């Protein structure tokens, strides 16, 4: 048997093995696509995973995502600025990327309070926000440690309440959302951004492939980001939570892999949303 023939056989065998492996991985990804809400561990509960999240938070894709979130949450206040200083609450702030983005884009006289159930996240978030020192913005941020369903603030304390990436980790979403409703002003705005569980099959497969190939080992070990997607909700479920929590008029946007709930009296004539309810 010639060398050429041996090389051809070896190449064919390698391609067959690779195709078989890829087919098994794709089959596994499709078979594990979430069909119902499955709670998972929060990355903030694992020190190594939390540090990896902090590093990712400083990457360009996440910084762009946080800038988009900040623009989205602050847009109505820019269109209709008031005479009163804006009061902002960021709930379960995580590594702090969103806090930094909101602080950079909010009016200079705004007051920003950031809270998280995990005290360690507060430490990481302060480091993240420290990049704003040169602009004199960090001094406007107040940090506190509290559960999302027990915020140490009087009723109606804030004009804007925002949370991103936390809904899927709340054991009792309705309880937390009632608390958000309590601390927001009567004419205020609530924005909740989180993962969408019912993302398309091809997108789920892409997440599983990317998780295996590029995700840091500390996050892979707790099955992130797959775990966050499986523990996420569908738009209809989020709508139910908001209605049960007696939210003001609200709407829900569906993106490829995310949901955005926006609530507030002025939302009806400023944005077009998928659903809207008057409790």
C-alpha atoms as a PDB file:
ATOM      1  CA  UNK A   1       0.000   0.000   0.000  1.00  0.00           C
ATOM      2  CA  UNK A   2       1.438   3.327  -1.070  1.00  0.00           C
ATOM      3  CA  UNK A   3       2.099   6.292   1.209  1.00  0.00           C
ATOM      4  CA  UNK A   4      -0.529   8.309  -0.661  1.00  0.00           C
ATOM      5  CA  UNK A   5      -3.148   5.663   0.009  1.00  0.00           C
ATOM      6  CA  UNK A   6      -2.240   5.512   3.710  1.00  0.00           C
ATOM      7  CA  UNK A   7      -2.506   9.298   3.988  1.00  0.00           C
ATOM      8  CA  UNK A   8      -5.898   9.241   2.253  1.00  0.00           C
ATOM      9  CA  UNK A   9      -7.167   6.527   4.610  1.00  0.00           C
ATOM     10  CA  UNK A  10      -5.861   8.404   7.649  1.00  0.00           C
ATOM     11  CA  UNK A  11      -7.481  11.637   6.474  1.00  0.00           C
ATOM     12  CA  UNK A  12     -10.793   9.881   5.862  1.00  0.00           C
ATOM     13  CA  UNK A  13     -10.688   8.256   9.291  1.00  0.00           C
ATOM     14  CA  UNK A  14      -9.889  11.579  10.980  1.00  0.00           C
ATOM     15  CA  UNK A  15     -12.700  13.356   9.149  1.00  0.00           C
ATOM     16  CA  UNK A  16     -15.142  10.582  10.024  1.00  0.00           C
ATOM     17  CA  UNK A  17     -14.172  10.738  13.694  1.00  0.00           C
ATOM     18  CA  UNK A  18     -14.432  14.532  13.731  1.00  0.00           C
ATOM     19  CA  UNK A  19     -17.828  14.416  12.014  1.00  0.00           C
ATOM     20  CA  UNK A  20     -19.063  11.838  14.498  1.00  0.00           C
ATOM     21  CA  UNK A  21     -17.863  13.893  17.449  1.00  0.00           C
ATOM     22  CA  UNK A  22     -19.454  17.065  16.068  1.00  0.00           C
ATOM     23  CA  UNK A  23     -22.734  15.243  15.424  1.00  0.00           C
ATOM     24  CA  UNK A  24     -22.788  13.931  18.998  1.00  0.00           C
ATOM     25  CA  UNK A  25     -22.094  17.389  20.413  1.00  0.00           C
ATOM     26  CA  UNK A  26     -24.829  18.955  18.282  1.00  0.00           C
ATOM     27  CA  UNK A  27     -27.253  16.214  19.258  1.00  0.00           C
ATOM     28  CA  UNK A  28     -26.427  16.782  22.926  1.00  0.00           C
ATOM     29  CA  UNK A  29     -26.907  20.534  22.577  1.00  0.00           C
ATOM     30  CA  UNK A  30     -30.291  20.087  20.915  1.00  0.00           C
ATOM     31  CA  UNK A  31     -31.413  17.479  23.457  1.00  0.00           C
ATOM     32  CA  UNK A  32     -30.530  19.780  26.371  1.00  0.00           C
ATOM     33  CA  UNK A  33     -32.446  22.774  25.032  1.00  0.00           C
ATOM     34  CA  UNK A  34     -34.522  24.086  27.962  1.00  0.00           C
ATOM     35  CA  UNK A  35     -38.249  23.368  27.922  1.00  0.00           C
ATOM     36  CA  UNK A  36     -39.076  24.659  31.391  1.00  0.00           C
ATOM     37  CA  UNK A  37     -37.700  26.861  34.151  1.00  0.00           C
ATOM     38  CA  UNK A  38     -34.800  25.094  35.880  1.00  0.00           C
ATOM     39  CA  UNK A  39     -33.149  27.089  38.711  1.00  0.00           C
ATOM     40  CA  UNK A  40     -29.355  27.001  38.749  1.00  0.00           C
ATOM     41  CA  UNK A  41     -26.499  28.306  40.902  1.00  0.00           C
ATOM     42  CA  UNK A  42     -25.654  31.992  40.660  1.00  0.00           C
ATOM     43  CA  UNK A  43     -22.125  32.768  39.472  1.00  0.00           C
ATOM     44  CA  UNK A  44     -21.790  35.244  42.355  1.00  0.00           C
ATOM     45  CA  UNK A  45     -21.883  32.306  44.799  1.00  0.00           C
ATOM     46  CA  UNK A  46     -18.606  30.955  43.404  1.00  0.00           C
ATOM     47  CA  UNK A  47     -15.564  33.219  44.000  1.00  0.00           C
ATOM     48  CA  UNK A  48     -13.690  32.023  40.904  1.00  0.00           C
ATOM     49  CA  UNK A  49     -16.771  32.408  38.710  1.00  0.00           C
ATOM     50  CA  UNK A  50     -17.452  35.872  40.147  1.00  0.00           C
ATOM     51  CA  UNK A  51     -13.912  36.979  39.303  1.00  0.00           C
ATOM     52  CA  UNK A  52     -14.295  35.669  35.754  1.00  0.00           C
ATOM     53  CA  UNK A  53     -17.554  37.592  35.443  1.00  0.00           C
ATOM     54  CA  UNK A  54     -15.718  40.697  36.610  1.00  0.00           C
ATOM     55  CA  UNK A  55     -13.072  40.222  33.909  1.00  0.00           C
ATOM     56  CA  UNK A  56     -15.747  39.688  31.256  1.00  0.00           C
ATOM     57  CA  UNK A  57     -17.573  42.795  32.460  1.00  0.00           C
ATOM     58  CA  UNK A  58     -14.560  44.877  31.416  1.00  0.00           C
ATOM     59  CA  UNK A  59     -14.439  43.378  27.908  1.00  0.00           C
ATOM     60  CA  UNK A  60     -15.580  45.416  24.912  1.00  0.00           C
ATOM     61  CA  UNK A  61     -18.725  43.356  24.108  1.00  0.00           C
ATOM     62  CA  UNK A  62     -20.035  43.673  27.658  1.00  0.00           C
ATOM     63  CA  UNK A  63     -19.150  47.365  27.874  1.00  0.00           C
ATOM     64  CA  UNK A  64     -21.135  47.965  24.679  1.00  0.00           C
ATOM     65  CA  UNK A  65     -24.036  45.936  26.085  1.00  0.00           C
ATOM     66  CA  UNK A  66     -24.034  47.967  29.289  1.00  0.00           C
ATOM     67  CA  UNK A  67     -23.965  51.227  27.330  1.00  0.00           C
ATOM     68  CA  UNK A  68     -27.017  50.041  25.385  1.00  0.00           C
ATOM     69  CA  UNK A  69     -28.793  49.164  28.640  1.00  0.00           C
ATOM     70  CA  UNK A  70     -27.947  52.564  30.120  1.00  0.00           C
ATOM     71  CA  UNK A  71     -29.286  54.402  27.068  1.00  0.00           C
ATOM     72  CA  UNK A  72     -32.445  52.286  27.105  1.00  0.00           C
ATOM     73  CA  UNK A  73     -33.207  52.895  30.767  1.00  0.00           C
ATOM     74  CA  UNK A  74     -32.448  56.625  30.710  1.00  0.00           C
ATOM     75  CA  UNK A  75     -34.042  57.472  27.341  1.00  0.00           C
ATOM     76  CA  UNK A  76     -37.449  58.730  28.626  1.00  0.00           C
ATOM     77  CA  UNK A  77     -35.766  61.015  31.154  1.00  0.00           C
ATOM     78  CA  UNK A  78     -33.645  62.523  28.389  1.00  0.00           C
ATOM     79  CA  UNK A  79     -36.717  63.089  26.201  1.00  0.00           C
ATOM     80  CA  UNK A  80     -38.684  64.609  29.068  1.00  0.00           C
ATOM     81  CA  UNK A  81     -36.202  66.072  31.543  1.00  0.00           C
ATOM     82  CA  UNK A  82     -37.657  67.368  34.806  1.00  0.00           C
ATOM     83  CA  UNK A  83     -36.651  69.976  37.341  1.00  0.00           C
ATOM     84  CA  UNK A  84     -36.010  67.409  40.101  1.00  0.00           C
ATOM     85  CA  UNK A  85     -32.690  65.573  40.390  1.00  0.00           C
ATOM     86  CA  UNK A  86     -33.016  62.035  39.103  1.00  0.00           C
ATOM     87  CA  UNK A  87     -32.943  59.274  41.748  1.00  0.00           C
ATOM     88  CA  UNK A  88     -31.745  55.900  40.393  1.00  0.00           C
ATOM     89  CA  UNK A  89     -31.655  52.465  42.046  1.00  0.00           C
ATOM     90  CA  UNK A  90     -29.720  49.576  40.475  1.00  0.00           C
ATOM     91  CA  UNK A  91     -30.768  46.254  42.015  1.00  0.00           C
ATOM     92  CA  UNK A  92     -28.439  43.215  42.137  1.00  0.00           C
ATOM     93  CA  UNK A  93     -25.742  45.192  40.328  1.00  0.00           C
ATOM     94  CA  UNK A  94     -23.306  42.273  39.907  1.00  0.00           C
ATOM     95  CA  UNK A  95     -19.717  43.112  38.862  1.00  0.00           C
ATOM     96  CA  UNK A  96     -20.641  46.753  38.349  1.00  0.00           C
ATOM     97  CA  UNK A  97     -20.472  47.271  34.595  1.00  0.00           C
ATOM     98  CA  UNK A  98     -24.044  48.529  34.385  1.00  0.00           C
ATOM     99  CA  UNK A  99     -23.532  50.848  37.362  1.00  0.00           C
ATOM    100  CA  UNK A 100     -20.562  52.428  35.614  1.00  0.00           C
ATOM    101  CA  UNK A 101     -22.470  52.828  32.335  1.00  0.00           C
ATOM    102  CA  UNK A 102     -25.494  54.405  34.022  1.00  0.00           C
ATOM    103  CA  UNK A 103     -23.286  56.775  36.034  1.00  0.00           C
ATOM    104  CA  UNK A 104     -21.532  57.883  32.849  1.00  0.00           C
ATOM    105  CA  UNK A 105     -24.784  58.635  30.995  1.00  0.00           C
ATOM    106  CA  UNK A 106     -27.072  59.908  33.770  1.00  0.00           C
ATOM    107  CA  UNK A 107     -27.493  63.667  34.418  1.00  0.00           C
ATOM    108  CA  UNK A 108     -24.628  65.050  36.501  1.00  0.00           C
ATOM    109  CA  UNK A 109     -26.945  65.877  39.423  1.00  0.00           C
ATOM    110  CA  UNK A 110     -28.448  62.361  39.565  1.00  0.00           C
ATOM    111  CA  UNK A 111     -28.202  60.246  42.708  1.00  0.00           C
ATOM    112  CA  UNK A 112     -27.346  56.579  42.091  1.00  0.00           C
ATOM    113  CA  UNK A 113     -27.758  53.807  44.651  1.00  0.00           C
ATOM    114  CA  UNK A 114     -26.479  50.305  43.814  1.00  0.00           C
ATOM    115  CA  UNK A 115     -27.412  47.269  45.891  1.00  0.00           C
ATOM    116  CA  UNK A 116     -26.622  43.561  45.699  1.00  0.00           C
ATOM    117  CA  UNK A 117     -27.470  40.559  47.839  1.00  0.00           C
ATOM    118  CA  UNK A 118     -23.844  39.393  47.673  1.00  0.00           C
ATOM    119  CA  UNK A 119     -21.470  41.614  49.674  1.00  0.00           C
ATOM    120  CA  UNK A 120     -18.498  40.367  47.641  1.00  0.00           C
ATOM    121  CA  UNK A 121     -20.050  41.717  44.450  1.00  0.00           C
ATOM    122  CA  UNK A 122     -20.074  45.165  46.035  1.00  0.00           C
ATOM    123  CA  UNK A 123     -16.285  45.001  46.394  1.00  0.00           C
ATOM    124  CA  UNK A 124     -15.835  44.011  42.750  1.00  0.00           C
ATOM    125  CA  UNK A 125     -18.303  46.638  41.579  1.00  0.00           C
ATOM    126  CA  UNK A 126     -16.461  49.419  43.423  1.00  0.00           C
ATOM    127  CA  UNK A 127     -13.288  48.474  41.563  1.00  0.00           C
ATOM    128  CA  UNK A 128     -15.226  48.490  38.299  1.00  0.00           C
ATOM    129  CA  UNK A 129     -16.690  51.926  39.006  1.00  0.00           C
ATOM    130  CA  UNK A 130     -13.307  53.332  40.056  1.00  0.00           C
ATOM    131  CA  UNK A 131     -12.501  53.950  36.382  1.00  0.00           C
ATOM    132  CA  UNK A 132     -14.958  56.861  36.605  1.00  0.00           C
ATOM    133  CA  UNK A 133     -12.858  58.726  39.196  1.00  0.00           C
ATOM    134  CA  UNK A 134     -11.155  60.796  36.508  1.00  0.00           C
ATOM    135  CA  UNK A 135     -14.569  62.170  35.529  1.00  0.00           C
ATOM    136  CA  UNK A 136     -15.633  62.838  39.110  1.00  0.00           C
ATOM    137  CA  UNK A 137     -18.587  60.482  38.804  1.00  0.00           C
ATOM    138  CA  UNK A 138     -17.817  57.782  41.354  1.00  0.00           C
ATOM    139  CA  UNK A 139     -18.746  60.058  44.257  1.00  0.00           C
ATOM    140  CA  UNK A 140     -22.374  60.053  43.079  1.00  0.00           C
ATOM    141  CA  UNK A 141     -22.718  56.289  43.604  1.00  0.00           C
ATOM    142  CA  UNK A 142     -23.894  54.926  46.939  1.00  0.00           C
ATOM    143  CA  UNK A 143     -23.365  51.244  47.659  1.00  0.00           C
ATOM    144  CA  UNK A 144     -25.453  49.025  49.892  1.00  0.00           C
ATOM    145  CA  UNK A 145     -25.922  45.333  50.623  1.00  0.00           C
ATOM    146  CA  UNK A 146     -29.487  44.020  50.711  1.00  0.00           C
ATOM    147  CA  UNK A 147     -31.787  41.316  49.416  1.00  0.00           C
ATOM    148  CA  UNK A 148     -33.733  42.332  46.335  1.00  0.00           C
ATOM    149  CA  UNK A 149     -37.043  41.724  48.111  1.00  0.00           C
ATOM    150  CA  UNK A 150     -36.071  43.794  51.167  1.00  0.00           C
ATOM    151  CA  UNK A 151     -34.587  47.083  49.949  1.00  0.00           C
ATOM    152  CA  UNK A 152     -33.814  49.529  52.803  1.00  0.00           C
ATOM    153  CA  UNK A 153     -35.584  52.523  51.285  1.00  0.00           C
ATOM    154  CA  UNK A 154     -38.923  54.278  51.929  1.00  0.00           C
ATOM    155  CA  UNK A 155     -41.841  53.886  49.544  1.00  0.00           C
ATOM    156  CA  UNK A 156     -41.510  55.889  46.323  1.00  0.00           C
ATOM    157  CA  UNK A 157     -37.839  56.763  46.855  1.00  0.00           C
ATOM    158  CA  UNK A 158     -36.633  56.421  43.243  1.00  0.00           C
ATOM    159  CA  UNK A 159     -37.538  57.743  39.828  1.00  0.00           C
ATOM    160  CA  UNK A 160     -35.805  54.864  38.036  1.00  0.00           C
ATOM    161  CA  UNK A 161     -35.326  51.290  39.234  1.00  0.00           C
ATOM    162  CA  UNK A 162     -33.280  49.027  36.954  1.00  0.00           C
ATOM    163  CA  UNK A 163     -31.953  45.483  37.207  1.00  0.00           C
ATOM    164  CA  UNK A 164     -30.151  43.410  34.565  1.00  0.00           C
ATOM    165  CA  UNK A 165     -29.260  39.714  34.631  1.00  0.00           C
ATOM    166  CA  UNK A 166     -30.812  39.070  38.048  1.00  0.00           C
ATOM    167  CA  UNK A 167     -34.412  37.990  37.414  1.00  0.00           C
ATOM    168  CA  UNK A 168     -33.511  34.362  36.734  1.00  0.00           C
ATOM    169  CA  UNK A 169     -31.705  34.111  40.110  1.00  0.00           C
ATOM    170  CA  UNK A 170     -34.628  35.358  42.218  1.00  0.00           C
ATOM    171  CA  UNK A 171     -36.250  32.536  44.162  1.00  0.00           C
ATOM    172  CA  UNK A 172     -39.534  34.485  44.337  1.00  0.00           C
ATOM    173  CA  UNK A 173     -39.773  36.886  41.369  1.00  0.00           C
ATOM    174  CA  UNK A 174     -43.200  38.218  42.371  1.00  0.00           C
ATOM    175  CA  UNK A 175     -41.929  39.167  45.828  1.00  0.00           C
ATOM    176  CA  UNK A 176     -38.969  41.059  44.368  1.00  0.00           C
ATOM    177  CA  UNK A 177     -41.100  42.787  41.768  1.00  0.00           C
ATOM    178  CA  UNK A 178     -43.553  43.936  44.438  1.00  0.00           C
ATOM    179  CA  UNK A 179     -40.577  45.427  46.280  1.00  0.00           C
ATOM    180  CA  UNK A 180     -39.425  47.223  43.116  1.00  0.00           C
ATOM    181  CA  UNK A 181     -42.947  48.564  42.732  1.00  0.00           C
ATOM    182  CA  UNK A 182     -42.863  49.792  46.341  1.00  0.00           C
ATOM    183  CA  UNK A 183     -39.651  51.794  46.093  1.00  0.00           C
ATOM    184  CA  UNK A 184     -40.357  53.433  42.715  1.00  0.00           C
ATOM    185  CA  UNK A 185     -42.172  56.783  42.608  1.00  0.00           C
ATOM    186  CA  UNK A 186     -45.759  56.930  41.350  1.00  0.00           C
ATOM    187  CA  UNK A 187     -44.578  58.499  38.100  1.00  0.00           C
ATOM    188  CA  UNK A 188     -41.338  56.501  38.007  1.00  0.00           C
ATOM    189  CA  UNK A 189     -39.956  53.839  35.707  1.00  0.00           C
ATOM    190  CA  UNK A 190     -38.930  50.211  36.231  1.00  0.00           C
ATOM    191  CA  UNK A 191     -36.693  48.329  33.779  1.00  0.00           C
ATOM    192  CA  UNK A 192     -35.933  44.608  34.099  1.00  0.00           C
ATOM    193  CA  UNK A 193     -33.517  42.996  31.624  1.00  0.00           C
ATOM    194  CA  UNK A 194     -32.763  39.286  31.677  1.00  0.00           C
ATOM    195  CA  UNK A 195     -32.090  36.141  29.679  1.00  0.00           C
ATOM    196  CA  UNK A 196     -34.816  34.600  27.559  1.00  0.00           C
ATOM    197  CA  UNK A 197     -35.328  30.860  28.037  1.00  0.00           C
ATOM    198  CA  UNK A 198     -37.171  30.157  24.779  1.00  0.00           C
ATOM    199  CA  UNK A 199     -34.434  31.318  22.434  1.00  0.00           C
ATOM    200  CA  UNK A 200     -34.279  29.631  18.989  1.00  0.00           C
ATOM    201  CA  UNK A 201     -32.709  26.181  18.751  1.00  0.00           C
ATOM    202  CA  UNK A 202     -29.829  27.404  16.583  1.00  0.00           C
ATOM    203  CA  UNK A 203     -29.040  30.133  19.115  1.00  0.00           C
ATOM    204  CA  UNK A 204     -29.041  27.596  21.971  1.00  0.00           C
ATOM    205  CA  UNK A 205     -26.661  25.360  20.005  1.00  0.00           C
ATOM    206  CA  UNK A 206     -24.389  28.367  19.361  1.00  0.00           C
ATOM    207  CA  UNK A 207     -24.351  29.139  23.099  1.00  0.00           C
ATOM    208  CA  UNK A 208     -23.406  25.535  23.950  1.00  0.00           C
ATOM    209  CA  UNK A 209     -20.605  25.501  21.367  1.00  0.00           C
ATOM    210  CA  UNK A 210     -19.235  28.872  22.495  1.00  0.00           C
ATOM    211  CA  UNK A 211     -19.458  27.808  26.132  1.00  0.00           C
ATOM    212  CA  UNK A 212     -17.308  24.776  25.446  1.00  0.00           C
ATOM    213  CA  UNK A 213     -14.773  26.543  23.237  1.00  0.00           C
ATOM    214  CA  UNK A 214     -14.245  30.022  24.700  1.00  0.00           C
ATOM    215  CA  UNK A 215     -15.839  30.252  28.131  1.00  0.00           C
ATOM    216  CA  UNK A 216     -13.368  30.354  31.084  1.00  0.00           C
ATOM    217  CA  UNK A 217     -13.181  27.081  33.026  1.00  0.00           C
ATOM    218  CA  UNK A 218     -14.574  28.637  36.238  1.00  0.00           C
ATOM    219  CA  UNK A 219     -17.798  29.512  34.393  1.00  0.00           C
ATOM    220  CA  UNK A 220     -17.932  26.233  32.478  1.00  0.00           C
ATOM    221  CA  UNK A 221     -17.793  24.336  35.760  1.00  0.00           C
ATOM    222  CA  UNK A 222     -21.067  25.924  36.874  1.00  0.00           C
ATOM    223  CA  UNK A 223     -22.506  25.500  33.350  1.00  0.00           C
ATOM    224  CA  UNK A 224     -22.625  29.192  32.469  1.00  0.00           C
ATOM    225  CA  UNK A 225     -24.193  30.731  30.467  1.00  0.00           C
ATOM    226  CA  UNK A 226     -26.410  27.694  29.827  1.00  0.00           C
ATOM    227  CA  UNK A 227     -27.544  27.640  33.455  1.00  0.00           C
ATOM    228  CA  UNK A 228     -28.710  31.270  33.297  1.00  0.00           C
ATOM    229  CA  UNK A 229     -30.715  30.570  30.148  1.00  0.00           C
ATOM    230  CA  UNK A 230     -32.366  27.447  31.606  1.00  0.00           C
ATOM    231  CA  UNK A 231     -33.353  29.397  34.730  1.00  0.00           C
ATOM    232  CA  UNK A 232     -34.703  32.299  32.685  1.00  0.00           C
ATOM    233  CA  UNK A 233     -38.311  32.974  31.750  1.00  0.00           C
ATOM    234  CA  UNK A 234     -40.506  33.465  28.712  1.00  0.00           C
ATOM    235  CA  UNK A 235     -42.274  36.754  27.964  1.00  0.00           C
ATOM    236  CA  UNK A 236     -45.642  35.334  29.059  1.00  0.00           C
ATOM    237  CA  UNK A 237     -44.218  34.331  32.437  1.00  0.00           C
ATOM    238  CA  UNK A 238     -42.640  37.743  32.967  1.00  0.00           C
ATOM    239  CA  UNK A 239     -45.940  39.362  32.027  1.00  0.00           C
ATOM    240  CA  UNK A 240     -47.696  37.245  34.666  1.00  0.00           C
ATOM    241  CA  UNK A 241     -45.185  38.222  37.376  1.00  0.00           C
ATOM    242  CA  UNK A 242     -45.585  41.918  36.573  1.00  0.00           C
ATOM    243  CA  UNK A 243     -49.369  41.741  36.614  1.00  0.00           C
ATOM    244  CA  UNK A 244     -49.354  39.861  39.925  1.00  0.00           C
ATOM    245  CA  UNK A 245     -46.974  42.477  41.374  1.00  0.00           C
ATOM    246  CA  UNK A 246     -49.425  45.281  40.413  1.00  0.00           C
ATOM    247  CA  UNK A 247     -46.929  46.995  38.135  1.00  0.00           C
ATOM    248  CA  UNK A 248     -47.892  50.272  36.461  1.00  0.00           C
ATOM    249  CA  UNK A 249     -48.658  50.020  32.698  1.00  0.00           C
ATOM    250  CA  UNK A 250     -45.867  47.925  31.235  1.00  0.00           C
ATOM    251  CA  UNK A 251     -44.598  46.284  28.097  1.00  0.00           C
ATOM    252  CA  UNK A 252     -42.148  43.515  27.223  1.00  0.00           C
ATOM    253  CA  UNK A 253     -39.650  43.415  24.390  1.00  0.00           C
ATOM    254  CA  UNK A 254     -38.286  40.111  23.102  1.00  0.00           C
ATOM    255  CA  UNK A 255     -34.763  40.015  21.697  1.00  0.00           C
ATOM    256  CA  UNK A 256     -32.828  37.059  20.336  1.00  0.00           C
ATOM    257  CA  UNK A 257     -31.680  35.926  23.776  1.00  0.00           C
ATOM    258  CA  UNK A 258     -33.088  38.514  26.167  1.00  0.00           C
ATOM    259  CA  UNK A 259     -36.269  40.068  27.532  1.00  0.00           C
ATOM    260  CA  UNK A 260     -36.804  43.687  28.557  1.00  0.00           C
ATOM    261  CA  UNK A 261     -39.727  44.737  30.739  1.00  0.00           C
ATOM    262  CA  UNK A 262     -40.376  48.484  30.915  1.00  0.00           C
ATOM    263  CA  UNK A 263     -43.007  49.871  33.278  1.00  0.00           C
ATOM    264  CA  UNK A 264     -44.167  53.433  33.844  1.00  0.00           C
ATOM    265  CA  UNK A 265     -47.102  55.725  33.199  1.00  0.00           C
ATOM    266  CA  UNK A 266     -45.354  57.561  30.357  1.00  0.00           C
ATOM    267  CA  UNK A 267     -44.265  54.405  28.512  1.00  0.00           C
ATOM    268  CA  UNK A 268     -47.483  53.954  26.554  1.00  0.00           C
ATOM    269  CA  UNK A 269     -46.885  56.885  24.214  1.00  0.00           C
ATOM    270  CA  UNK A 270     -43.075  56.831  24.038  1.00  0.00           C
ATOM    271  CA  UNK A 271     -42.273  53.250  22.980  1.00  0.00           C
ATOM    272  CA  UNK A 272     -43.986  50.442  21.130  1.00  0.00           C
ATOM    273  CA  UNK A 273     -43.952  47.189  23.075  1.00  0.00           C
ATOM    274  CA  UNK A 274     -45.021  43.624  22.527  1.00  0.00           C
ATOM    275  CA  UNK A 275     -47.605  43.524  25.339  1.00  0.00           C
ATOM    276  CA  UNK A 276     -49.173  46.080  27.615  1.00  0.00           C
ATOM    277  CA  UNK A 277     -51.321  45.675  30.689  1.00  0.00           C
ATOM    278  CA  UNK A 278     -53.186  47.977  33.058  1.00  0.00           C
ATOM    279  CA  UNK A 279     -53.433  46.193  36.443  1.00  0.00           C
END
